[in-house]
N, C-alpha and C. Protein backbone atom coordinates (compact mmCIF):
# COMPACT_ATOMS: atom_id res chain seq x y z
N MET A 1 0.81 -1.20 0.00
CA MET A 1 0.00 0.00 0.00
C MET A 1 0.86 1.26 0.00
N PRO A 2 1.98 1.29 0.72
CA PRO A 2 2.77 2.52 0.70
C PRO A 2 3.22 2.92 -0.71
N ARG A 3 3.61 1.94 -1.53
CA ARG A 3 4.04 2.27 -2.90
C ARG A 3 2.87 2.80 -3.72
N LEU A 4 1.73 2.16 -3.62
CA LEU A 4 0.56 2.63 -4.36
C LEU A 4 0.15 4.03 -3.94
N SER A 5 0.28 4.32 -2.66
CA SER A 5 -0.16 5.62 -2.15
C SER A 5 0.72 6.77 -2.62
N GLN A 6 1.87 6.46 -3.22
CA GLN A 6 2.71 7.51 -3.78
C GLN A 6 2.08 8.10 -5.04
N GLU A 7 1.25 7.31 -5.72
CA GLU A 7 0.62 7.79 -6.96
C GLU A 7 -0.90 7.85 -6.90
N PHE A 8 -1.50 7.15 -5.95
CA PHE A 8 -2.95 7.06 -5.90
C PHE A 8 -3.45 7.32 -4.49
N ARG A 9 -4.73 7.67 -4.41
CA ARG A 9 -5.37 7.70 -3.10
C ARG A 9 -5.70 6.26 -2.73
N VAL A 10 -5.22 5.80 -1.60
CA VAL A 10 -5.41 4.41 -1.18
C VAL A 10 -6.15 4.39 0.14
N VAL A 11 -7.24 3.64 0.18
CA VAL A 11 -7.98 3.45 1.43
C VAL A 11 -8.16 1.95 1.62
N ALA A 12 -8.18 1.52 2.87
CA ALA A 12 -8.34 0.10 3.18
C ALA A 12 -9.55 -0.07 4.09
N PRO A 13 -10.65 -0.56 3.54
CA PRO A 13 -11.84 -0.76 4.38
C PRO A 13 -11.62 -1.88 5.39
N ASP A 14 -12.26 -1.75 6.50
CA ASP A 14 -12.24 -2.77 7.55
C ASP A 14 -13.62 -3.41 7.54
N LEU A 15 -13.68 -4.71 7.54
CA LEU A 15 -14.96 -5.41 7.43
C LEU A 15 -15.33 -6.12 8.72
N PRO A 16 -16.62 -6.25 8.99
CA PRO A 16 -17.04 -7.02 10.16
C PRO A 16 -16.47 -8.44 10.08
N GLY A 17 -15.77 -8.84 11.12
CA GLY A 17 -15.16 -10.16 11.16
C GLY A 17 -13.70 -10.17 10.79
N PHE A 18 -13.24 -9.09 10.18
CA PHE A 18 -11.84 -8.95 9.80
C PHE A 18 -11.37 -7.62 10.39
N GLY A 19 -10.34 -7.62 11.16
CA GLY A 19 -9.81 -6.35 11.67
C GLY A 19 -10.55 -5.85 12.89
N TYR A 20 -10.86 -4.54 12.91
CA TYR A 20 -11.35 -3.90 14.13
C TYR A 20 -12.80 -3.43 14.08
N THR A 21 -13.50 -3.68 13.00
CA THR A 21 -14.90 -3.32 12.94
C THR A 21 -15.70 -4.21 13.88
N THR A 22 -16.53 -3.60 14.69
CA THR A 22 -17.36 -4.35 15.63
C THR A 22 -18.36 -5.22 14.86
N VAL A 23 -18.50 -6.44 15.31
CA VAL A 23 -19.48 -7.35 14.73
C VAL A 23 -20.73 -7.27 15.59
N PRO A 24 -21.83 -6.75 15.04
CA PRO A 24 -23.06 -6.64 15.83
C PRO A 24 -23.56 -8.02 16.28
N ASP A 25 -24.19 -8.07 17.44
CA ASP A 25 -24.78 -9.33 17.92
C ASP A 25 -25.76 -9.84 16.87
N GLY A 26 -25.72 -11.12 16.61
CA GLY A 26 -26.64 -11.72 15.65
C GLY A 26 -26.23 -11.54 14.20
N PHE A 27 -25.10 -10.89 13.96
CA PHE A 27 -24.62 -10.67 12.59
C PHE A 27 -24.32 -12.02 11.95
N VAL A 28 -24.90 -12.26 10.79
CA VAL A 28 -24.65 -13.49 10.04
C VAL A 28 -23.70 -13.14 8.91
N PHE A 29 -22.54 -13.78 8.90
CA PHE A 29 -21.54 -13.49 7.88
C PHE A 29 -22.06 -13.93 6.52
N SER A 30 -22.06 -13.00 5.57
CA SER A 30 -22.46 -13.33 4.20
C SER A 30 -21.81 -12.36 3.25
N LEU A 31 -21.56 -12.83 2.05
CA LEU A 31 -20.95 -11.99 1.03
C LEU A 31 -21.81 -10.77 0.75
N ASP A 32 -23.11 -10.95 0.73
CA ASP A 32 -24.03 -9.85 0.48
C ASP A 32 -23.87 -8.74 1.52
N LYS A 33 -23.75 -9.12 2.78
CA LYS A 33 -23.60 -8.10 3.84
C LYS A 33 -22.27 -7.38 3.72
N TRP A 34 -21.20 -8.10 3.36
CA TRP A 34 -19.90 -7.44 3.20
C TRP A 34 -19.91 -6.51 1.99
N VAL A 35 -20.59 -6.90 0.92
CA VAL A 35 -20.70 -6.02 -0.25
C VAL A 35 -21.43 -4.74 0.15
N ARG A 36 -22.54 -4.86 0.86
CA ARG A 36 -23.26 -3.66 1.31
C ARG A 36 -22.40 -2.81 2.24
N HIS A 37 -21.64 -3.45 3.10
CA HIS A 37 -20.73 -2.73 4.00
C HIS A 37 -19.68 -1.95 3.18
N LEU A 38 -19.11 -2.62 2.16
CA LEU A 38 -18.11 -1.97 1.31
C LEU A 38 -18.69 -0.77 0.59
N PHE A 39 -19.90 -0.91 0.05
CA PHE A 39 -20.51 0.22 -0.66
C PHE A 39 -20.90 1.34 0.30
N GLY A 40 -21.28 1.00 1.52
CA GLY A 40 -21.53 2.03 2.53
C GLY A 40 -20.26 2.79 2.85
N PHE A 41 -19.15 2.07 2.95
CA PHE A 41 -17.84 2.68 3.18
C PHE A 41 -17.49 3.62 2.03
N ALA A 42 -17.66 3.14 0.80
CA ALA A 42 -17.35 3.95 -0.38
C ALA A 42 -18.22 5.21 -0.43
N LYS A 43 -19.48 5.06 -0.10
CA LYS A 43 -20.39 6.21 -0.11
C LYS A 43 -19.98 7.23 0.95
N ALA A 44 -19.62 6.75 2.14
CA ALA A 44 -19.22 7.65 3.22
C ALA A 44 -17.98 8.46 2.84
N LEU A 45 -17.08 7.85 2.06
CA LEU A 45 -15.87 8.54 1.63
C LEU A 45 -16.03 9.22 0.27
N GLU A 46 -17.26 9.16 -0.27
CA GLU A 46 -17.58 9.75 -1.57
C GLU A 46 -16.66 9.21 -2.67
N LEU A 47 -16.43 7.89 -2.64
CA LEU A 47 -15.62 7.24 -3.66
C LEU A 47 -16.52 6.87 -4.83
N GLU A 48 -16.11 7.25 -6.02
CA GLU A 48 -16.85 6.90 -7.23
C GLU A 48 -15.86 6.43 -8.28
N ASN A 49 -16.24 5.39 -9.01
CA ASN A 49 -15.42 4.87 -10.09
C ASN A 49 -13.99 4.59 -9.61
N PHE A 50 -13.86 3.66 -8.68
CA PHE A 50 -12.58 3.38 -8.06
C PHE A 50 -12.08 1.97 -8.39
N ALA A 51 -10.77 1.81 -8.34
CA ALA A 51 -10.15 0.49 -8.50
C ALA A 51 -10.32 -0.27 -7.19
N LEU A 52 -10.56 -1.55 -7.30
CA LEU A 52 -10.76 -2.38 -6.12
C LEU A 52 -9.79 -3.55 -6.17
N VAL A 53 -8.97 -3.68 -5.13
CA VAL A 53 -8.02 -4.77 -5.01
C VAL A 53 -8.58 -5.77 -4.01
N GLY A 54 -8.58 -7.03 -4.38
CA GLY A 54 -9.07 -8.07 -3.48
C GLY A 54 -8.06 -9.18 -3.33
N ASN A 55 -7.66 -9.45 -2.10
CA ASN A 55 -6.71 -10.52 -1.81
C ASN A 55 -7.42 -11.63 -1.03
N SER A 56 -7.21 -12.86 -1.46
CA SER A 56 -7.77 -14.02 -0.78
C SER A 56 -9.30 -13.91 -0.73
N PHE A 57 -9.89 -13.93 0.46
CA PHE A 57 -11.34 -13.79 0.55
C PHE A 57 -11.79 -12.43 0.02
N GLY A 58 -10.93 -11.42 0.16
CA GLY A 58 -11.24 -10.10 -0.39
C GLY A 58 -11.43 -10.14 -1.90
N GLY A 59 -10.85 -11.15 -2.56
CA GLY A 59 -11.06 -11.32 -4.00
C GLY A 59 -12.50 -11.69 -4.30
N ALA A 60 -13.08 -12.57 -3.49
CA ALA A 60 -14.49 -12.93 -3.67
C ALA A 60 -15.36 -11.71 -3.43
N LEU A 61 -15.01 -10.92 -2.42
CA LEU A 61 -15.75 -9.69 -2.14
C LEU A 61 -15.62 -8.71 -3.30
N ALA A 62 -14.43 -8.58 -3.86
CA ALA A 62 -14.22 -7.68 -4.99
C ALA A 62 -15.04 -8.12 -6.20
N ILE A 63 -15.04 -9.42 -6.49
CA ILE A 63 -15.83 -9.94 -7.61
C ILE A 63 -17.31 -9.67 -7.39
N ALA A 64 -17.81 -9.99 -6.20
CA ALA A 64 -19.22 -9.77 -5.90
C ALA A 64 -19.58 -8.29 -5.96
N SER A 65 -18.67 -7.42 -5.55
CA SER A 65 -18.92 -5.97 -5.59
C SER A 65 -18.99 -5.48 -7.03
N ALA A 66 -18.10 -5.98 -7.88
CA ALA A 66 -18.12 -5.59 -9.29
C ALA A 66 -19.39 -6.08 -9.97
N ILE A 67 -19.87 -7.25 -9.56
CA ILE A 67 -21.12 -7.77 -10.10
C ILE A 67 -22.29 -6.91 -9.65
N ALA A 68 -22.29 -6.55 -8.38
CA ALA A 68 -23.40 -5.78 -7.81
C ALA A 68 -23.48 -4.37 -8.38
N ASN A 69 -22.35 -3.76 -8.66
CA ASN A 69 -22.36 -2.38 -9.16
C ASN A 69 -21.16 -2.15 -10.08
N PRO A 70 -21.19 -2.68 -11.30
CA PRO A 70 -20.04 -2.58 -12.20
C PRO A 70 -19.67 -1.15 -12.58
N ARG A 71 -20.61 -0.23 -12.53
CA ARG A 71 -20.30 1.15 -12.91
C ARG A 71 -19.47 1.87 -11.84
N LEU A 72 -19.50 1.36 -10.62
CA LEU A 72 -18.76 1.98 -9.53
C LEU A 72 -17.30 1.53 -9.49
N ILE A 73 -17.02 0.34 -10.01
CA ILE A 73 -15.68 -0.24 -9.97
C ILE A 73 -15.01 -0.04 -11.33
N SER A 74 -13.92 0.75 -11.35
CA SER A 74 -13.23 1.02 -12.62
C SER A 74 -12.26 -0.09 -12.99
N HIS A 75 -11.61 -0.68 -12.00
CA HIS A 75 -10.63 -1.74 -12.21
C HIS A 75 -10.78 -2.77 -11.10
N LEU A 76 -10.57 -4.02 -11.46
CA LEU A 76 -10.66 -5.11 -10.49
C LEU A 76 -9.31 -5.83 -10.49
N ILE A 77 -8.61 -5.79 -9.37
CA ILE A 77 -7.30 -6.43 -9.24
C ILE A 77 -7.43 -7.54 -8.21
N LEU A 78 -7.18 -8.78 -8.65
CA LEU A 78 -7.36 -9.94 -7.78
C LEU A 78 -6.01 -10.59 -7.49
N MET A 79 -5.78 -10.92 -6.23
CA MET A 79 -4.55 -11.59 -5.81
C MET A 79 -4.92 -12.82 -5.00
N GLY A 80 -4.62 -14.00 -5.52
CA GLY A 80 -4.94 -15.23 -4.80
C GLY A 80 -6.39 -15.26 -4.38
N ALA A 81 -7.26 -14.88 -5.29
CA ALA A 81 -8.67 -14.64 -4.95
C ALA A 81 -9.47 -15.92 -4.79
N VAL A 82 -10.27 -15.94 -3.74
CA VAL A 82 -11.32 -16.94 -3.60
C VAL A 82 -12.46 -16.44 -4.48
N GLY A 83 -13.20 -17.33 -5.07
CA GLY A 83 -14.32 -16.91 -5.91
C GLY A 83 -14.35 -17.69 -7.21
N LEU A 84 -13.29 -18.40 -7.47
CA LEU A 84 -13.20 -19.29 -8.61
C LEU A 84 -12.84 -20.66 -8.06
N SER A 85 -13.27 -21.70 -8.74
CA SER A 85 -13.04 -23.05 -8.22
C SER A 85 -11.55 -23.39 -8.21
N PHE A 86 -11.08 -23.96 -7.12
CA PHE A 86 -9.69 -24.39 -7.00
C PHE A 86 -9.59 -25.39 -5.86
N LEU A 87 -8.50 -26.13 -5.86
CA LEU A 87 -8.26 -27.07 -4.77
C LEU A 87 -7.56 -26.34 -3.63
N ILE A 88 -7.94 -26.67 -2.42
CA ILE A 88 -7.33 -26.05 -1.25
C ILE A 88 -5.95 -26.66 -1.02
N THR A 89 -4.97 -25.79 -0.92
CA THR A 89 -3.59 -26.22 -0.68
C THR A 89 -3.36 -26.46 0.81
N ARG A 90 -2.22 -27.05 1.11
CA ARG A 90 -1.83 -27.27 2.51
C ARG A 90 -1.76 -25.93 3.23
N GLU A 91 -1.28 -24.89 2.54
CA GLU A 91 -1.17 -23.57 3.16
C GLU A 91 -2.53 -23.01 3.52
N LEU A 92 -3.51 -23.13 2.62
CA LEU A 92 -4.86 -22.64 2.93
C LEU A 92 -5.48 -23.46 4.05
N GLU A 93 -5.25 -24.75 4.03
CA GLU A 93 -5.77 -25.61 5.10
C GLU A 93 -5.22 -25.13 6.45
N THR A 94 -3.95 -24.72 6.45
CA THR A 94 -3.31 -24.23 7.67
C THR A 94 -3.92 -22.92 8.12
N VAL A 95 -4.09 -21.97 7.19
CA VAL A 95 -4.60 -20.65 7.59
C VAL A 95 -6.06 -20.73 7.99
N TRP A 96 -6.87 -21.52 7.28
CA TRP A 96 -8.28 -21.59 7.62
C TRP A 96 -8.51 -22.34 8.92
N GLY A 97 -7.55 -23.17 9.31
CA GLY A 97 -7.64 -23.86 10.58
C GLY A 97 -6.86 -23.14 11.68
N PHE A 98 -6.45 -21.93 11.39
CA PHE A 98 -5.61 -21.14 12.30
C PHE A 98 -6.28 -20.91 13.65
N ASP A 99 -5.52 -21.17 14.70
CA ASP A 99 -5.96 -20.89 16.06
C ASP A 99 -4.89 -20.01 16.69
N PRO A 100 -5.20 -18.73 16.94
CA PRO A 100 -4.17 -17.81 17.43
C PRO A 100 -3.60 -18.18 18.78
N ASP A 101 -4.24 -19.07 19.49
CA ASP A 101 -3.71 -19.47 20.80
C ASP A 101 -2.57 -20.47 20.68
N VAL A 102 -2.50 -21.18 19.56
CA VAL A 102 -1.47 -22.22 19.45
C VAL A 102 -0.55 -22.03 18.24
N SER A 103 -0.88 -21.16 17.31
CA SER A 103 -0.10 -21.02 16.09
C SER A 103 0.92 -19.90 16.20
N ASP A 104 1.97 -20.02 15.43
CA ASP A 104 2.99 -18.98 15.36
C ASP A 104 2.71 -18.12 14.14
N MET A 105 2.45 -16.83 14.34
CA MET A 105 2.08 -15.94 13.25
C MET A 105 3.18 -15.85 12.19
N LYS A 106 4.43 -15.86 12.59
CA LYS A 106 5.51 -15.76 11.61
C LYS A 106 5.46 -16.95 10.65
N ASP A 107 5.30 -18.15 11.18
CA ASP A 107 5.22 -19.34 10.33
C ASP A 107 4.03 -19.23 9.38
N LEU A 108 2.93 -18.73 9.87
CA LEU A 108 1.74 -18.58 9.05
C LEU A 108 1.98 -17.58 7.92
N LEU A 109 2.56 -16.43 8.22
CA LEU A 109 2.83 -15.42 7.20
C LEU A 109 3.85 -15.93 6.18
N ASP A 110 4.84 -16.69 6.64
CA ASP A 110 5.85 -17.24 5.73
C ASP A 110 5.25 -18.14 4.66
N LEU A 111 4.10 -18.74 4.93
CA LEU A 111 3.45 -19.62 3.95
C LEU A 111 2.99 -18.86 2.71
N PHE A 112 2.74 -17.55 2.85
CA PHE A 112 2.06 -16.82 1.79
C PHE A 112 2.89 -15.77 1.08
N VAL A 113 4.15 -15.68 1.37
CA VAL A 113 4.97 -14.66 0.71
C VAL A 113 6.07 -15.32 -0.10
N TYR A 114 6.41 -14.70 -1.20
CA TYR A 114 7.52 -15.17 -2.02
C TYR A 114 8.83 -14.74 -1.38
N ASP A 115 8.88 -13.47 -0.97
CA ASP A 115 10.07 -12.89 -0.36
C ASP A 115 9.85 -12.80 1.15
N ARG A 116 10.39 -13.74 1.87
CA ARG A 116 10.15 -13.80 3.32
C ARG A 116 10.77 -12.64 4.08
N SER A 117 11.62 -11.86 3.43
CA SER A 117 12.22 -10.71 4.12
C SER A 117 11.19 -9.63 4.42
N ILE A 118 10.05 -9.67 3.74
CA ILE A 118 9.02 -8.65 4.01
C ILE A 118 8.21 -8.97 5.27
N VAL A 119 8.40 -10.16 5.81
CA VAL A 119 7.71 -10.53 7.05
C VAL A 119 8.53 -9.97 8.22
N THR A 120 8.27 -8.71 8.53
CA THR A 120 9.02 -8.01 9.58
C THR A 120 8.38 -8.26 10.95
N GLU A 121 9.12 -7.92 11.98
CA GLU A 121 8.60 -8.06 13.35
C GLU A 121 7.35 -7.19 13.54
N ASP A 122 7.34 -5.99 12.93
CA ASP A 122 6.17 -5.11 13.04
C ASP A 122 4.94 -5.75 12.38
N LEU A 123 5.14 -6.35 11.21
CA LEU A 123 4.03 -7.01 10.52
C LEU A 123 3.52 -8.19 11.35
N ILE A 124 4.44 -8.99 11.85
CA ILE A 124 4.06 -10.15 12.67
C ILE A 124 3.25 -9.69 13.88
N ALA A 125 3.75 -8.66 14.56
CA ALA A 125 3.08 -8.17 15.77
C ALA A 125 1.69 -7.61 15.46
N SER A 126 1.56 -6.85 14.37
CA SER A 126 0.24 -6.26 14.06
C SER A 126 -0.76 -7.32 13.66
N ARG A 127 -0.34 -8.31 12.87
CA ARG A 127 -1.26 -9.39 12.47
C ARG A 127 -1.63 -10.26 13.66
N ASP A 128 -0.65 -10.53 14.52
CA ASP A 128 -0.90 -11.34 15.70
C ASP A 128 -1.87 -10.65 16.64
N GLN A 129 -1.67 -9.34 16.83
CA GLN A 129 -2.56 -8.57 17.71
C GLN A 129 -4.00 -8.60 17.19
N ALA A 130 -4.16 -8.41 15.88
CA ALA A 130 -5.51 -8.44 15.30
C ALA A 130 -6.13 -9.83 15.42
N ALA A 131 -5.33 -10.87 15.19
CA ALA A 131 -5.85 -12.24 15.23
C ALA A 131 -6.26 -12.67 16.63
N ARG A 132 -5.64 -12.10 17.63
CA ARG A 132 -5.92 -12.50 19.01
C ARG A 132 -7.13 -11.79 19.61
N ARG A 133 -7.69 -10.83 18.89
CA ARG A 133 -8.90 -10.18 19.39
C ARG A 133 -9.99 -11.25 19.47
N PRO A 134 -10.68 -11.37 20.60
CA PRO A 134 -11.72 -12.41 20.74
C PRO A 134 -12.77 -12.34 19.63
N GLU A 135 -13.15 -11.14 19.24
CA GLU A 135 -14.17 -10.97 18.20
C GLU A 135 -13.67 -11.50 16.85
N THR A 136 -12.41 -11.21 16.52
CA THR A 136 -11.84 -11.67 15.26
C THR A 136 -11.72 -13.19 15.26
N SER A 137 -11.23 -13.74 16.34
CA SER A 137 -11.09 -15.19 16.45
C SER A 137 -12.44 -15.88 16.31
N ARG A 138 -13.46 -15.37 16.98
CA ARG A 138 -14.81 -15.94 16.90
C ARG A 138 -15.33 -15.86 15.47
N SER A 139 -15.17 -14.70 14.85
CA SER A 139 -15.64 -14.51 13.48
C SER A 139 -14.97 -15.49 12.54
N PHE A 140 -13.66 -15.61 12.65
CA PHE A 140 -12.91 -16.48 11.77
C PHE A 140 -13.37 -17.92 11.90
N LYS A 141 -13.58 -18.37 13.11
CA LYS A 141 -14.02 -19.75 13.34
C LYS A 141 -15.42 -19.98 12.78
N GLU A 142 -16.28 -18.97 12.81
CA GLU A 142 -17.63 -19.11 12.26
C GLU A 142 -17.61 -19.11 10.73
N MET A 143 -16.69 -18.36 10.15
CA MET A 143 -16.64 -18.26 8.69
C MET A 143 -15.99 -19.46 8.03
N PHE A 144 -14.97 -20.00 8.65
CA PHE A 144 -14.16 -21.03 8.02
C PHE A 144 -14.22 -22.33 8.82
N LEU A 145 -15.33 -23.03 8.64
CA LEU A 145 -15.53 -24.31 9.32
C LEU A 145 -15.13 -25.46 8.39
N PRO A 146 -14.53 -26.52 8.94
CA PRO A 146 -14.25 -27.69 8.11
C PRO A 146 -15.54 -28.39 7.72
N PRO A 147 -15.60 -29.20 6.69
CA PRO A 147 -14.52 -29.48 5.74
C PRO A 147 -14.39 -28.33 4.74
N TYR A 148 -13.21 -27.75 4.66
CA TYR A 148 -12.99 -26.53 3.90
C TYR A 148 -13.27 -26.69 2.41
N GLN A 149 -12.77 -27.78 1.79
CA GLN A 149 -12.95 -27.94 0.34
C GLN A 149 -14.43 -28.04 -0.01
N GLN A 150 -15.17 -28.83 0.75
CA GLN A 150 -16.60 -28.99 0.48
C GLN A 150 -17.33 -27.66 0.60
N ARG A 151 -17.02 -26.88 1.63
CA ARG A 151 -17.67 -25.58 1.82
C ARG A 151 -17.28 -24.61 0.71
N LEU A 152 -16.00 -24.63 0.31
CA LEU A 152 -15.54 -23.74 -0.75
C LEU A 152 -16.23 -24.08 -2.06
N ASP A 153 -16.27 -25.36 -2.42
CA ASP A 153 -16.91 -25.76 -3.66
C ASP A 153 -18.37 -25.35 -3.68
N TYR A 154 -19.05 -25.46 -2.54
CA TYR A 154 -20.46 -25.07 -2.47
C TYR A 154 -20.59 -23.57 -2.68
N ARG A 155 -19.77 -22.78 -1.99
CA ARG A 155 -19.88 -21.32 -2.09
C ARG A 155 -19.55 -20.83 -3.49
N VAL A 156 -18.51 -21.41 -4.09
CA VAL A 156 -18.08 -20.97 -5.41
C VAL A 156 -19.14 -21.29 -6.44
N SER A 157 -19.80 -22.43 -6.31
CA SER A 157 -20.77 -22.83 -7.31
C SER A 157 -22.18 -22.31 -7.03
N ALA A 158 -22.32 -21.57 -5.96
CA ALA A 158 -23.64 -21.07 -5.59
C ALA A 158 -24.20 -20.17 -6.68
N THR A 159 -25.49 -20.23 -6.87
CA THR A 159 -26.16 -19.41 -7.87
C THR A 159 -25.85 -17.94 -7.68
N TYR A 160 -25.67 -17.53 -6.44
CA TYR A 160 -25.38 -16.12 -6.15
C TYR A 160 -24.21 -15.62 -6.98
N MET A 161 -23.19 -16.49 -7.16
CA MET A 161 -22.00 -16.06 -7.89
C MET A 161 -22.11 -16.35 -9.38
N ILE A 162 -22.63 -17.49 -9.77
CA ILE A 162 -22.59 -17.91 -11.17
C ILE A 162 -23.46 -17.04 -12.06
N GLU A 163 -24.74 -16.88 -11.74
CA GLU A 163 -25.63 -16.11 -12.60
C GLU A 163 -25.19 -14.66 -12.74
N PRO A 164 -24.87 -13.96 -11.64
CA PRO A 164 -24.41 -12.58 -11.80
C PRO A 164 -23.12 -12.48 -12.60
N LEU A 165 -22.21 -13.46 -12.48
CA LEU A 165 -20.98 -13.43 -13.26
C LEU A 165 -21.30 -13.50 -14.74
N GLU A 166 -22.25 -14.36 -15.10
CA GLU A 166 -22.64 -14.46 -16.50
C GLU A 166 -23.27 -13.16 -16.98
N MET A 167 -24.09 -12.52 -16.14
CA MET A 167 -24.70 -11.24 -16.52
C MET A 167 -23.63 -10.17 -16.67
N LEU A 168 -22.65 -10.14 -15.77
CA LEU A 168 -21.57 -9.16 -15.86
C LEU A 168 -20.78 -9.38 -17.14
N GLU A 169 -20.49 -10.63 -17.44
CA GLU A 169 -19.74 -10.95 -18.65
C GLU A 169 -20.48 -10.46 -19.89
N ARG A 170 -21.79 -10.69 -19.95
CA ARG A 170 -22.59 -10.24 -21.09
C ARG A 170 -22.58 -8.72 -21.20
N SER A 171 -22.63 -8.02 -20.06
CA SER A 171 -22.68 -6.56 -20.10
C SER A 171 -21.35 -5.96 -20.53
N LEU A 172 -20.25 -6.69 -20.31
CA LEU A 172 -18.93 -6.17 -20.70
C LEU A 172 -18.66 -6.35 -22.18
N TRP A 173 -19.28 -7.36 -22.77
CA TRP A 173 -19.00 -7.63 -24.18
C TRP A 173 -20.18 -7.24 -24.98
């Protein structure tokens, strides 16, 4: 983000269940709710026609957001995005089964970077602090229940994603 912010305005939304946004009692995690949260965030900051970067689960959110409002999203950048069918790797199995009480954050971060030198003590500490928040831990366990592959295949093939993707594709061409 620091490099991008040298040339662009960069904002990083915080989502219920990820980071520091409070999760209301009774909140049911769903892609639809996160999309609405993202658009509420964009509206509050008066963002229009913006590029959206989605990493991992954020990729699924980015895809769903572009489907929901393609005129608002100028560019879609996906990195290791969930939202397309794929087999779960050992690394994903490790992160989705992550328990902050027993796991080492450095080992976890090392699984996902090409250049391990970017895994600094500051990064480890900030990710570990966020992961140890009781609300974040609870949210994560509710979102990512085993068996992971079966749940992923179901979510990816859900009508919610397939039909809108086809409509988006038709509108682009």
